[in-house]
């Protein structure tokens, strides 16, 4: 299981992803992640980087239930989180999509957040 952050483009983009149990992207890198990297059980954040506060603003979290080749399906939950990247982490949060390595996953408390949100 891996963690990925995808940038949302608008509130309507978030609604579209949640309503359709999938994720859409409008750039080649994000589409590559969606088509080739996402696997069942991976954890996703719909978020964007706030330049003013230097924080990541998460609006929804999801778990991949089917990968792209099986007909992408993601179970989403609305969840607002404020993430405080450190050092080089800021550059990753500015990307449209990126993997999140184990140390930041731990620091941000993502395992417990997902467990809490998806335990029912």
PDB file of N, CA and C in Angstrom:
ATOM      1  N   UNK A   1       0.845  -1.177   0.000  1.00  0.00           N
ATOM      2  CA  UNK A   1       0.000   0.000   0.000  1.00  0.00           C
ATOM      3  C   UNK A   1       0.887   1.235   0.000  1.00  0.00           C
ATOM      4  N   UNK A   2       0.547   2.171  -0.879  1.00  0.00           N
ATOM      5  CA  UNK A   2       1.288   3.422  -0.977  1.00  0.00           C
ATOM      6  C   UNK A   2       0.321   4.584  -0.804  1.00  0.00           C
ATOM      7  N   UNK A   3       0.898   5.733  -0.510  1.00  0.00           N
ATOM      8  CA  UNK A   3       0.134   6.967  -0.369  1.00  0.00           C
ATOM      9  C   UNK A   3       0.483   7.908  -1.518  1.00  0.00           C
ATOM     10  N   UNK A   4      -0.547   8.559  -2.065  1.00  0.00           N
ATOM     11  CA  UNK A   4      -0.370   9.522  -3.140  1.00  0.00           C
ATOM     12  C   UNK A   4      -1.199  10.759  -2.861  1.00  0.00           C
ATOM     13  N   UNK A   5      -0.671  11.900  -3.281  1.00  0.00           N
ATOM     14  CA  UNK A   5      -1.410  13.165  -3.196  1.00  0.00           C
ATOM     15  C   UNK A   5      -1.714  13.619  -4.614  1.00  0.00           C
ATOM     16  N   UNK A   6      -2.978  13.948  -4.873  1.00  0.00           N
ATOM     17  CA  UNK A   6      -3.405  14.512  -6.148  1.00  0.00           C
ATOM     18  C   UNK A   6      -3.995  15.888  -5.883  1.00  0.00           C
ATOM     19  N   UNK A   7      -3.647  16.838  -6.723  1.00  0.00           N
ATOM     20  CA  UNK A   7      -4.177  18.198  -6.585  1.00  0.00           C
ATOM     21  C   UNK A   7      -5.607  18.252  -7.095  1.00  0.00           C
ATOM     22  N   UNK A   8      -6.482  18.851  -6.309  1.00  0.00           N
ATOM     23  CA  UNK A   8      -7.827  19.130  -6.802  1.00  0.00           C
ATOM     24  C   UNK A   8      -7.795  20.512  -7.444  1.00  0.00           C
ATOM     25  N   UNK A   9      -8.612  20.679  -8.478  1.00  0.00           N
ATOM     26  CA  UNK A   9      -8.589  21.918  -9.254  1.00  0.00           C
ATOM     27  C   UNK A   9      -9.676  22.893  -8.849  1.00  0.00           C
ATOM     28  N   UNK A  10     -10.733  22.353  -8.238  1.00  0.00           N
ATOM     29  CA  UNK A  10     -11.851  23.190  -7.811  1.00  0.00           C
ATOM     30  C   UNK A  10     -12.735  22.350  -6.896  1.00  0.00           C
ATOM     31  N   UNK A  11     -13.674  22.997  -6.256  1.00  0.00           N
ATOM     32  CA  UNK A  11     -14.631  22.263  -5.427  1.00  0.00           C
ATOM     33  C   UNK A  11     -15.449  21.303  -6.291  1.00  0.00           C
ATOM     34  N   UNK A  12     -15.755  21.718  -7.526  1.00  0.00           N
ATOM     35  CA  UNK A  12     -16.530  20.831  -8.407  1.00  0.00           C
ATOM     36  C   UNK A  12     -15.702  19.606  -8.817  1.00  0.00           C
ATOM     37  N   UNK A  13     -14.382  19.743  -8.901  1.00  0.00           N
ATOM     38  CA  UNK A  13     -13.518  18.591  -9.193  1.00  0.00           C
ATOM     39  C   UNK A  13     -13.591  17.581  -8.052  1.00  0.00           C
ATOM     40  N   UNK A  14     -13.581  18.064  -6.820  1.00  0.00           N
ATOM     41  CA  UNK A  14     -13.705  17.171  -5.662  1.00  0.00           C
ATOM     42  C   UNK A  14     -15.044  16.441  -5.725  1.00  0.00           C
ATOM     43  N   UNK A  15     -16.121  17.176  -5.960  1.00  0.00           N
ATOM     44  CA  UNK A  15     -17.462  16.580  -6.038  1.00  0.00           C
ATOM     45  C   UNK A  15     -17.522  15.535  -7.139  1.00  0.00           C
ATOM     46  N   UNK A  16     -16.949  15.832  -8.288  1.00  0.00           N
ATOM     47  CA  UNK A  16     -16.939  14.889  -9.408  1.00  0.00           C
ATOM     48  C   UNK A  16     -16.223  13.591  -9.019  1.00  0.00           C
ATOM     49  N   UNK A  17     -15.061  13.709  -8.391  1.00  0.00           N
ATOM     50  CA  UNK A  17     -14.316  12.518  -7.968  1.00  0.00           C
ATOM     51  C   UNK A  17     -15.124  11.688  -6.978  1.00  0.00           C
ATOM     52  N   UNK A  18     -15.713  12.336  -5.990  1.00  0.00           N
ATOM     53  CA  UNK A  18     -16.485  11.617  -4.968  1.00  0.00           C
ATOM     54  C   UNK A  18     -17.754  11.002  -5.549  1.00  0.00           C
ATOM     55  N   UNK A  19     -18.462  11.757  -6.377  1.00  0.00           N
ATOM     56  CA  UNK A  19     -19.712  11.255  -6.963  1.00  0.00           C
ATOM     57  C   UNK A  19     -19.477  10.061  -7.876  1.00  0.00           C
ATOM     58  N   UNK A  20     -18.331  10.040  -8.571  1.00  0.00           N
ATOM     59  CA  UNK A  20     -18.052   8.991  -9.551  1.00  0.00           C
ATOM     60  C   UNK A  20     -17.131   7.895  -9.014  1.00  0.00           C
ATOM     61  N   UNK A  21     -16.735   7.980  -7.766  1.00  0.00           N
ATOM     62  CA  UNK A  21     -15.840   6.991  -7.144  1.00  0.00           C
ATOM     63  C   UNK A  21     -14.568   6.772  -7.956  1.00  0.00           C
ATOM     64  N   UNK A  22     -14.023   7.866  -8.486  1.00  0.00           N
ATOM     65  CA  UNK A  22     -12.768   7.776  -9.224  1.00  0.00           C
ATOM     66  C   UNK A  22     -11.989   9.068  -9.062  1.00  0.00           C
ATOM     67  N   UNK A  23     -10.989   9.250  -9.903  1.00  0.00           N
ATOM     68  CA  UNK A  23     -10.228  10.496  -9.896  1.00  0.00           C
ATOM     69  C   UNK A  23      -9.932  10.869 -11.333  1.00  0.00           C
ATOM     70  N   UNK A  24     -10.016  12.146 -11.626  1.00  0.00           N
ATOM     71  CA  UNK A  24      -9.689  12.637 -12.954  1.00  0.00           C
ATOM     72  C   UNK A  24      -8.527  13.604 -12.840  1.00  0.00           C
ATOM     73  N   UNK A  25      -7.794  13.715 -13.926  1.00  0.00           N
ATOM     74  CA  UNK A  25      -6.638  14.605 -13.949  1.00  0.00           C
ATOM     75  C   UNK A  25      -6.557  15.266 -15.315  1.00  0.00           C
ATOM     76  N   UNK A  26      -5.904  16.418 -15.371  1.00  0.00           N
ATOM     77  CA  UNK A  26      -5.764  17.088 -16.660  1.00  0.00           C
ATOM     78  C   UNK A  26      -4.307  17.317 -17.044  1.00  0.00           C
ATOM     79  N   UNK A  27      -3.413  16.475 -16.550  1.00  0.00           N
ATOM     80  CA  UNK A  27      -2.022  16.560 -16.961  1.00  0.00           C
ATOM     81  C   UNK A  27      -1.463  15.150 -17.131  1.00  0.00           C
ATOM     82  N   UNK A  28      -0.447  15.019 -17.961  1.00  0.00           N
ATOM     83  CA  UNK A  28       0.099  13.705 -18.319  1.00  0.00           C
ATOM     84  C   UNK A  28       0.666  12.957 -17.118  1.00  0.00           C
ATOM     85  N   UNK A  29       1.354  13.647 -16.223  1.00  0.00           N
ATOM     86  CA  UNK A  29       1.952  12.973 -15.067  1.00  0.00           C
ATOM     87  C   UNK A  29       0.876  12.367 -14.177  1.00  0.00           C
ATOM     88  N   UNK A  30      -0.163  13.128 -13.886  1.00  0.00           N
ATOM     89  CA  UNK A  30      -1.250  12.612 -13.052  1.00  0.00           C
ATOM     90  C   UNK A  30      -1.939  11.436 -13.733  1.00  0.00           C
ATOM     91  N   UNK A  31      -2.169  11.541 -15.038  1.00  0.00           N
ATOM     92  CA  UNK A  31      -2.801  10.438 -15.757  1.00  0.00           C
ATOM     93  C   UNK A  31      -1.928   9.191 -15.714  1.00  0.00           C
ATOM     94  N   UNK A  32      -0.614   9.345 -15.802  1.00  0.00           N
ATOM     95  CA  UNK A  32       0.290   8.202 -15.706  1.00  0.00           C
ATOM     96  C   UNK A  32       0.156   7.534 -14.336  1.00  0.00           C
ATOM     97  N   UNK A  33       0.118   8.326 -13.278  1.00  0.00           N
ATOM     98  CA  UNK A  33      -0.066   7.773 -11.931  1.00  0.00           C
ATOM     99  C   UNK A  33      -1.377   6.982 -11.869  1.00  0.00           C
ATOM    100  N   UNK A  34      -2.446   7.569 -12.380  1.00  0.00           N
ATOM    101  CA  UNK A  34      -3.757   6.941 -12.314  1.00  0.00           C
ATOM    102  C   UNK A  34      -3.773   5.628 -13.097  1.00  0.00           C
ATOM    103  N   UNK A  35      -3.234   5.646 -14.301  1.00  0.00           N
ATOM    104  CA  UNK A  35      -3.305   4.473 -15.170  1.00  0.00           C
ATOM    105  C   UNK A  35      -2.284   3.396 -14.818  1.00  0.00           C
ATOM    106  N   UNK A  36      -1.125   3.776 -14.304  1.00  0.00           N
ATOM    107  CA  UNK A  36      -0.034   2.809 -14.161  1.00  0.00           C
ATOM    108  C   UNK A  36       0.468   2.554 -12.748  1.00  0.00           C
ATOM    109  N   UNK A  37       0.201   3.439 -11.821  1.00  0.00           N
ATOM    110  CA  UNK A  37       0.780   3.278 -10.486  1.00  0.00           C
ATOM    111  C   UNK A  37      -0.221   2.902  -9.408  1.00  0.00           C
ATOM    112  N   UNK A  38      -1.452   3.379  -9.510  1.00  0.00           N
ATOM    113  CA  UNK A  38      -2.419   3.111  -8.451  1.00  0.00           C
ATOM    114  C   UNK A  38      -2.791   1.636  -8.411  1.00  0.00           C
ATOM    115  N   UNK A  39      -2.738   1.083  -7.224  1.00  0.00           N
ATOM    116  CA  UNK A  39      -3.070  -0.326  -6.998  1.00  0.00           C
ATOM    117  C   UNK A  39      -4.136  -0.419  -5.907  1.00  0.00           C
ATOM    118  N   UNK A  40      -4.834  -1.536  -5.890  1.00  0.00           N
ATOM    119  CA  UNK A  40      -5.843  -1.768  -4.865  1.00  0.00           C
ATOM    120  C   UNK A  40      -5.217  -1.604  -3.484  1.00  0.00           C
ATOM    121  N   UNK A  41      -5.883  -0.842  -2.623  1.00  0.00           N
ATOM    122  CA  UNK A  41      -5.411  -0.608  -1.268  1.00  0.00           C
ATOM    123  C   UNK A  41      -4.604   0.667  -1.094  1.00  0.00           C
ATOM    124  N   UNK A  42      -4.152   1.282  -2.204  1.00  0.00           N
ATOM    125  CA  UNK A  42      -3.408   2.535  -2.084  1.00  0.00           C
ATOM    126  C   UNK A  42      -4.300   3.615  -1.493  1.00  0.00           C
ATOM    127  N   UNK A  43      -3.662   4.542  -0.784  1.00  0.00           N
ATOM    128  CA  UNK A  43      -4.356   5.643  -0.113  1.00  0.00           C
ATOM    129  C   UNK A  43      -4.119   6.934  -0.886  1.00  0.00           C
ATOM    130  N   UNK A  44      -5.175   7.729  -1.051  1.00  0.00           N
ATOM    131  CA  UNK A  44      -5.097   8.957  -1.833  1.00  0.00           C
ATOM    132  C   UNK A  44      -5.539  10.161  -1.009  1.00  0.00           C
ATOM    133  N   UNK A  45      -4.890  11.277  -1.277  1.00  0.00           N
ATOM    134  CA  UNK A  45      -5.295  12.562  -0.718  1.00  0.00           C
ATOM    135  C   UNK A  45      -5.673  13.479  -1.877  1.00  0.00           C
ATOM    136  N   UNK A  46      -6.831  14.104  -1.824  1.00  0.00           N
ATOM    137  CA  UNK A  46      -7.171  15.193  -2.738  1.00  0.00           C
ATOM    138  C   UNK A  46      -6.823  16.462  -1.983  1.00  0.00           C
ATOM    139  N   UNK A  47      -5.829  17.164  -2.466  1.00  0.00           N
ATOM    140  CA  UNK A  47      -5.293  18.290  -1.696  1.00  0.00           C
ATOM    141  C   UNK A  47      -4.683  19.315  -2.633  1.00  0.00           C
ATOM    142  N   UNK A  48      -4.348  20.445  -2.069  1.00  0.00           N
ATOM    143  CA  UNK A  48      -3.568  21.446  -2.817  1.00  0.00           C
ATOM    144  C   UNK A  48      -2.659  22.175  -1.847  1.00  0.00           C
ATOM    145  N   UNK A  49      -1.599  22.707  -2.393  1.00  0.00           N
ATOM    146  CA  UNK A  49      -0.618  23.437  -1.594  1.00  0.00           C
ATOM    147  C   UNK A  49      -1.035  24.891  -1.494  1.00  0.00           C
ATOM    148  N   UNK A  50      -1.033  25.436  -0.303  1.00  0.00           N
ATOM    149  CA  UNK A  50      -1.373  26.834  -0.062  1.00  0.00           C
ATOM    150  C   UNK A  50      -0.071  27.619   0.084  1.00  0.00           C
ATOM    151  N   UNK A  51       0.251  28.397  -0.924  1.00  0.00           N
ATOM    152  CA  UNK A  51       1.499  29.167  -0.936  1.00  0.00           C
ATOM    153  C   UNK A  51       1.569  30.175   0.211  1.00  0.00           C
ATOM    154  N   UNK A  52       0.435  30.751   0.569  1.00  0.00           N
ATOM    155  CA  UNK A  52       0.411  31.767   1.609  1.00  0.00           C
ATOM    156  C   UNK A  52       0.793  31.195   2.979  1.00  0.00           C
ATOM    157  N   UNK A  53       0.203  30.052   3.319  1.00  0.00           N
ATOM    158  CA  UNK A  53       0.448  29.460   4.635  1.00  0.00           C
ATOM    159  C   UNK A  53       1.529  28.381   4.613  1.00  0.00           C
ATOM    160  N   UNK A  54       1.975  28.024   3.399  1.00  0.00           N
ATOM    161  CA  UNK A  54       2.995  26.964   3.223  1.00  0.00           C
ATOM    162  C   UNK A  54       2.525  25.638   3.815  1.00  0.00           C
ATOM    163  N   UNK A  55       1.236  25.338   3.598  1.00  0.00           N
ATOM    164  CA  UNK A  55       0.657  24.093   4.104  1.00  0.00           C
ATOM    165  C   UNK A  55      -0.065  23.351   2.985  1.00  0.00           C
ATOM    166  N   UNK A  56      -0.265  22.059   3.193  1.00  0.00           N
ATOM    167  CA  UNK A  56      -1.091  21.265   2.307  1.00  0.00           C
ATOM    168  C   UNK A  56      -2.505  21.251   2.862  1.00  0.00           C
ATOM    169  N   UNK A  57      -3.478  21.509   1.997  1.00  0.00           N
ATOM    170  CA  UNK A  57      -4.885  21.557   2.415  1.00  0.00           C
ATOM    171  C   UNK A  57      -5.612  20.358   1.805  1.00  0.00           C
ATOM    172  N   UNK A  58      -5.887  19.371   2.642  1.00  0.00           N
ATOM    173  CA  UNK A  58      -6.559  18.158   2.201  1.00  0.00           C
ATOM    174  C   UNK A  58      -8.070  18.350   2.319  1.00  0.00           C
ATOM    175  N   UNK A  59      -8.794  17.951   1.273  1.00  0.00           N
ATOM    176  CA  UNK A  59     -10.257  18.067   1.271  1.00  0.00           C
ATOM    177  C   UNK A  59     -10.951  16.711   1.301  1.00  0.00           C
ATOM    178  N   UNK A  60     -10.267  15.651   0.813  1.00  0.00           N
ATOM    179  CA  UNK A  60     -10.858  14.313   0.805  1.00  0.00           C
ATOM    180  C   UNK A  60      -9.747  13.273   0.804  1.00  0.00           C
ATOM    181  N   UNK A  61     -10.068  12.106   1.343  1.00  0.00           N
ATOM    182  CA  UNK A  61      -9.127  10.991   1.343  1.00  0.00           C
ATOM    183  C   UNK A  61      -9.837   9.782   0.750  1.00  0.00           C
ATOM    184  N   UNK A  62      -9.067   8.899   0.128  1.00  0.00           N
ATOM    185  CA  UNK A  62      -9.688   7.750  -0.511  1.00  0.00           C
ATOM    186  C   UNK A  62      -8.807   6.525  -0.501  1.00  0.00           C
ATOM    187  N   UNK A  63      -9.436   5.388  -0.718  1.00  0.00           N
ATOM    188  CA  UNK A  63      -8.746   4.108  -0.837  1.00  0.00           C
ATOM    189  C   UNK A  63      -9.114   3.503  -2.190  1.00  0.00           C
ATOM    190  N   UNK A  64      -8.107   3.086  -2.939  1.00  0.00           N
ATOM    191  CA  UNK A  64      -8.324   2.464  -4.239  1.00  0.00           C
ATOM    192  C   UNK A  64      -8.922   1.069  -4.013  1.00  0.00           C
ATOM    193  N   UNK A  65     -10.095   0.835  -4.599  1.00  0.00           N
ATOM    194  CA  UNK A  65     -10.746  -0.476  -4.501  1.00  0.00           C
ATOM    195  C   UNK A  65     -10.493  -1.328  -5.742  1.00  0.00           C
ATOM    196  N   UNK A  66     -10.376  -0.706  -6.911  1.00  0.00           N
ATOM    197  CA  UNK A  66     -10.001  -1.364  -8.168  1.00  0.00           C
ATOM    198  C   UNK A  66      -9.014  -0.472  -8.888  1.00  0.00           C
ATOM    199  N   UNK A  67      -7.946  -1.068  -9.441  1.00  0.00           N
ATOM    200  CA  UNK A  67      -7.012  -0.246 -10.202  1.00  0.00           C
ATOM    201  C   UNK A  67      -7.560   0.025 -11.600  1.00  0.00           C
ATOM    202  N   UNK A  68      -6.834   0.796 -12.379  1.00  0.00           N
ATOM    203  CA  UNK A  68      -7.300   1.293 -13.672  1.00  0.00           C
ATOM    204  C   UNK A  68      -7.677   0.160 -14.616  1.00  0.00           C
ATOM    205  N   UNK A  69      -6.857  -0.890 -14.668  1.00  0.00           N
ATOM    206  CA  UNK A  69      -7.109  -1.984 -15.612  1.00  0.00           C
ATOM    207  C   UNK A  69      -8.395  -2.747 -15.295  1.00  0.00           C
ATOM    208  N   UNK A  70      -8.870  -2.675 -14.067  1.00  0.00           N
ATOM    209  CA  UNK A  70     -10.110  -3.347 -13.666  1.00  0.00           C
ATOM    210  C   UNK A  70     -11.304  -2.391 -13.621  1.00  0.00           C
ATOM    211  N   UNK A  71     -11.090  -1.158 -14.017  1.00  0.00           N
ATOM    212  CA  UNK A  71     -12.131  -0.138 -13.920  1.00  0.00           C
ATOM    213  C   UNK A  71     -11.969   0.602 -12.609  1.00  0.00           C
ATOM    214  N   UNK A  72     -11.202   1.669 -12.638  1.00  0.00           N
ATOM    215  CA  UNK A  72     -10.824   2.390 -11.420  1.00  0.00           C
ATOM    216  C   UNK A  72     -12.025   2.678 -10.533  1.00  0.00           C
ATOM    217  N   UNK A  73     -11.884   2.320  -9.271  1.00  0.00           N
ATOM    218  CA  UNK A  73     -12.918   2.617  -8.273  1.00  0.00           C
ATOM    219  C   UNK A  73     -12.221   3.026  -6.985  1.00  0.00           C
ATOM    220  N   UNK A  74     -12.633   4.163  -6.429  1.00  0.00           N
ATOM    221  CA  UNK A  74     -12.048   4.698  -5.208  1.00  0.00           C
ATOM    222  C   UNK A  74     -13.164   4.977  -4.211  1.00  0.00           C
ATOM    223  N   UNK A  75     -12.960   4.523  -2.995  1.00  0.00           N
ATOM    224  CA  UNK A  75     -13.894   4.838  -1.909  1.00  0.00           C
ATOM    225  C   UNK A  75     -13.389   6.114  -1.249  1.00  0.00           C
ATOM    226  N   UNK A  76     -14.151   7.206  -1.391  1.00  0.00           N
ATOM    227  CA  UNK A  76     -13.757   8.513  -0.876  1.00  0.00           C
ATOM    228  C   UNK A  76     -14.498   8.854   0.402  1.00  0.00           C
ATOM    229  N   UNK A  77     -13.849   9.676   1.214  1.00  0.00           N
ATOM    230  CA  UNK A  77     -14.476  10.299   2.385  1.00  0.00           C
ATOM    231  C   UNK A  77     -14.042  11.766   2.401  1.00  0.00           C
ATOM    232  N   UNK A  78     -14.983  12.631   2.711  1.00  0.00           N
ATOM    233  CA  UNK A  78     -14.637  14.040   2.919  1.00  0.00           C
ATOM    234  C   UNK A  78     -13.845  14.108   4.222  1.00  0.00           C
ATOM    235  N   UNK A  79     -12.689  14.714   4.166  1.00  0.00           N
ATOM    236  CA  UNK A  79     -11.854  14.865   5.365  1.00  0.00           C
ATOM    237  C   UNK A  79     -10.969  16.084   5.163  1.00  0.00           C
ATOM    238  N   UNK A  80     -11.129  17.075   6.005  1.00  0.00           N
ATOM    239  CA  UNK A  80     -10.288  18.273   5.952  1.00  0.00           C
ATOM    240  C   UNK A  80      -9.104  18.095   6.892  1.00  0.00           C
ATOM    241  N   UNK A  81      -7.927  18.252   6.337  1.00  0.00           N
ATOM    242  CA  UNK A  81      -6.684  18.182   7.106  1.00  0.00           C
ATOM    243  C   UNK A  81      -5.775  19.308   6.669  1.00  0.00           C
ATOM    244  N   UNK A  82      -4.974  19.789   7.578  1.00  0.00           N
ATOM    245  CA  UNK A  82      -3.917  20.740   7.246  1.00  0.00           C
ATOM    246  C   UNK A  82      -2.595  20.027   7.500  1.00  0.00           C
ATOM    247  N   UNK A  83      -1.792  19.924   6.454  1.00  0.00           N
ATOM    248  CA  UNK A  83      -0.505  19.235   6.518  1.00  0.00           C
ATOM    249  C   UNK A  83       0.605  20.271   6.529  1.00  0.00           C
ATOM    250  N   UNK A  84       1.595  20.056   7.375  1.00  0.00           N
ATOM    251  CA  UNK A  84       2.725  20.981   7.488  1.00  0.00           C
ATOM    252  C   UNK A  84       3.991  20.305   6.956  1.00  0.00           C
ATOM    253  N   UNK A  85       4.248  20.454   5.630  1.00  0.00           N
ATOM    254  CA  UNK A  85       5.452  19.842   5.073  1.00  0.00           C
ATOM    255  C   UNK A  85       6.715  20.454   5.675  1.00  0.00           C
ATOM    256  N   UNK A  86       7.785  19.669   5.632  1.00  0.00           N
ATOM    257  CA  UNK A  86       9.076  20.150   6.127  1.00  0.00           C
ATOM    258  C   UNK A  86      10.101  20.106   4.997  1.00  0.00           C
ATOM    259  N   UNK A  87      11.015  21.047   5.005  1.00  0.00           N
ATOM    260  CA  UNK A  87      12.126  21.052   4.055  1.00  0.00           C
ATOM    261  C   UNK A  87      11.703  20.850   2.614  1.00  0.00           C
ATOM    262  N   UNK A  88      12.282  19.814   1.985  1.00  0.00           N
ATOM    263  CA  UNK A  88      12.007  19.529   0.576  1.00  0.00           C
ATOM    264  C   UNK A  88      10.559  19.109   0.343  1.00  0.00           C
ATOM    265  N   UNK A  89       9.845  18.759   1.397  1.00  0.00           N
ATOM    266  CA  UNK A  89       8.449  18.354   1.260  1.00  0.00           C
ATOM    267  C   UNK A  89       7.580  19.399   0.590  1.00  0.00           C
ATOM    268  N   UNK A  90       7.936  20.667   0.746  1.00  0.00           N
ATOM    269  CA  UNK A  90       7.162  21.739   0.111  1.00  0.00           C
ATOM    270  C   UNK A  90       7.142  21.576  -1.402  1.00  0.00           C
ATOM    271  N   UNK A  91       8.266  21.212  -1.993  1.00  0.00           N
ATOM    272  CA  UNK A  91       8.321  21.072  -3.454  1.00  0.00           C
ATOM    273  C   UNK A  91       7.424  19.931  -3.925  1.00  0.00           C
ATOM    274  N   UNK A  92       7.316  18.863  -3.139  1.00  0.00           N
ATOM    275  CA  UNK A  92       6.442  17.754  -3.513  1.00  0.00           C
ATOM    276  C   UNK A  92       4.977  18.159  -3.446  1.00  0.00           C
ATOM    277  N   UNK A  93       4.619  18.939  -2.449  1.00  0.00           N
ATOM    278  CA  UNK A  93       3.230  19.367  -2.320  1.00  0.00           C
ATOM    279  C   UNK A  93       2.809  20.316  -3.429  1.00  0.00           C
ATOM    280  N   UNK A  94       3.758  20.960  -4.084  1.00  0.00           N
ATOM    281  CA  UNK A  94       3.448  21.862  -5.191  1.00  0.00           C
ATOM    282  C   UNK A  94       3.162  21.105  -6.486  1.00  0.00           C
ATOM    283  N   UNK A  95       3.523  19.829  -6.566  1.00  0.00           N
ATOM    284  CA  UNK A  95       3.290  19.022  -7.765  1.00  0.00           C
ATOM    285  C   UNK A  95       1.811  18.642  -7.863  1.00  0.00           C
ATOM    286  N   UNK A  96       1.357  18.395  -9.093  1.00  0.00           N
ATOM    287  CA  UNK A  96      -0.036  17.971  -9.291  1.00  0.00           C
ATOM    288  C   UNK A  96      -0.310  16.608  -8.681  1.00  0.00           C
ATOM    289  N   UNK A  97       0.692  15.742  -8.704  1.00  0.00           N
ATOM    290  CA  UNK A  97       0.558  14.446  -8.036  1.00  0.00           C
ATOM    291  C   UNK A  97       1.942  14.001  -7.588  1.00  0.00           C
ATOM    292  N   UNK A  98       1.953  13.261  -6.507  1.00  0.00           N
ATOM    293  CA  UNK A  98       3.223  12.776  -5.971  1.00  0.00           C
ATOM    294  C   UNK A  98       2.960  11.638  -5.004  1.00  0.00           C
ATOM    295  N   UNK A  99       3.917  10.749  -4.907  1.00  0.00           N
ATOM    296  CA  UNK A  99       3.865   9.744  -3.867  1.00  0.00           C
ATOM    297  C   UNK A  99       4.286  10.378  -2.547  1.00  0.00           C
ATOM    298  N   UNK A 100       3.843   9.807  -1.454  1.00  0.00           N
ATOM    299  CA  UNK A 100       4.224  10.303  -0.130  1.00  0.00           C
ATOM    300  C   UNK A 100       5.027   9.200   0.539  1.00  0.00           C
ATOM    301  N   UNK A 101       6.249   9.497   0.887  1.00  0.00           N
ATOM    302  CA  UNK A 101       7.136   8.480   1.448  1.00  0.00           C
ATOM    303  C   UNK A 101       6.765   8.156   2.907  1.00  0.00           C
ATOM    304  N   UNK A 102       7.261   7.016   3.414  1.00  0.00           N
ATOM    305  CA  UNK A 102       6.842   6.544   4.742  1.00  0.00           C
ATOM    306  C   UNK A 102       7.058   7.529   5.892  1.00  0.00           C
ATOM    307  N   UNK A 103       8.154   8.269   5.903  1.00  0.00           N
ATOM    308  CA  UNK A 103       8.405   9.192   7.020  1.00  0.00           C
ATOM    309  C   UNK A 103       7.340  10.288   7.106  1.00  0.00           C
ATOM    310  N   UNK A 104       7.012  10.979   5.991  1.00  0.00           N
ATOM    311  CA  UNK A 104       5.925  11.959   6.078  1.00  0.00           C
ATOM    312  C   UNK A 104       4.571  11.323   6.393  1.00  0.00           C
ATOM    313  N   UNK A 105       4.313  10.119   5.889  1.00  0.00           N
ATOM    314  CA  UNK A 105       3.058   9.438   6.222  1.00  0.00           C
ATOM    315  C   UNK A 105       2.936   9.315   7.737  1.00  0.00           C
ATOM    316  N   UNK A 106       4.022   8.916   8.363  1.00  0.00           N
ATOM    317  CA  UNK A 106       4.043   8.770   9.825  1.00  0.00           C
ATOM    318  C   UNK A 106       3.884  10.132  10.511  1.00  0.00           C
ATOM    319  N   UNK A 107       4.653  11.115  10.051  1.00  0.00           N
ATOM    320  CA  UNK A 107       4.634  12.445  10.666  1.00  0.00           C
ATOM    321  C   UNK A 107       3.251  13.105  10.552  1.00  0.00           C
ATOM    322  N   UNK A 108       2.575  12.887   9.424  1.00  0.00           N
ATOM    323  CA  UNK A 108       1.256  13.481   9.214  1.00  0.00           C
ATOM    324  C   UNK A 108       0.139  12.670   9.880  1.00  0.00           C
ATOM    325  N   UNK A 109       0.466  11.494  10.407  1.00  0.00           N
ATOM    326  CA  UNK A 109      -0.538  10.652  11.058  1.00  0.00           C
ATOM    327  C   UNK A 109      -1.547  10.059  10.092  1.00  0.00           C
ATOM    328  N   UNK A 110      -1.111   9.793   8.860  1.00  0.00           N
ATOM    329  CA  UNK A 110      -2.061   9.340   7.847  1.00  0.00           C
ATOM    330  C   UNK A 110      -2.597   7.937   8.098  1.00  0.00           C
ATOM    331  N   UNK A 111      -1.760   7.030   8.599  1.00  0.00           N
ATOM    332  CA  UNK A 111      -2.255   5.678   8.877  1.00  0.00           C
ATOM    333  C   UNK A 111      -3.438   5.725   9.844  1.00  0.00           C
ATOM    334  N   UNK A 112      -3.299   6.467  10.927  1.00  0.00           N
ATOM    335  CA  UNK A 112      -4.387   6.534  11.910  1.00  0.00           C
ATOM    336  C   UNK A 112      -5.591   7.285  11.350  1.00  0.00           C
ATOM    337  N   UNK A 113      -5.369   8.308  10.535  1.00  0.00           N
ATOM    338  CA  UNK A 113      -6.479   9.046   9.924  1.00  0.00           C
ATOM    339  C   UNK A 113      -7.294   8.119   9.038  1.00  0.00           C
ATOM    340  N   UNK A 114      -6.608   7.344   8.205  1.00  0.00           N
ATOM    341  CA  UNK A 114      -7.330   6.426   7.315  1.00  0.00           C
ATOM    342  C   UNK A 114      -8.033   5.339   8.115  1.00  0.00           C
ATOM    343  N   UNK A 115      -7.377   4.804   9.113  1.00  0.00           N
ATOM    344  CA  UNK A 115      -7.991   3.763   9.936  1.00  0.00           C
ATOM    345  C   UNK A 115      -9.269   4.298  10.589  1.00  0.00           C
ATOM    346  N   UNK A 116      -9.186   5.490  11.121  1.00  0.00           N
ATOM    347  CA  UNK A 116     -10.318   6.134  11.786  1.00  0.00           C
ATOM    348  C   UNK A 116     -11.480   6.374  10.815  1.00  0.00           C
ATOM    349  N   UNK A 117     -11.172   6.855   9.616  1.00  0.00           N
ATOM    350  CA  UNK A 117     -12.206   7.208   8.649  1.00  0.00           C
ATOM    351  C   UNK A 117     -12.824   6.000   7.946  1.00  0.00           C
ATOM    352  N   UNK A 118     -12.056   4.936   7.763  1.00  0.00           N
ATOM    353  CA  UNK A 118     -12.532   3.816   6.965  1.00  0.00           C
ATOM    354  C   UNK A 118     -12.776   2.546   7.787  1.00  0.00           C
ATOM    355  N   UNK A 119     -12.842   2.656   9.103  1.00  0.00           N
ATOM    356  CA  UNK A 119     -13.024   1.471   9.936  1.00  0.00           C
ATOM    357  C   UNK A 119     -14.465   0.974   9.936  1.00  0.00           C
ATOM    358  N   UNK A 120     -15.401   1.793   9.473  1.00  0.00           N
ATOM    359  CA  UNK A 120     -16.808   1.365   9.469  1.00  0.00           C
ATOM    360  C   UNK A 120     -17.237   0.855   8.123  1.00  0.00           C
TER     361      UNK A 120
END
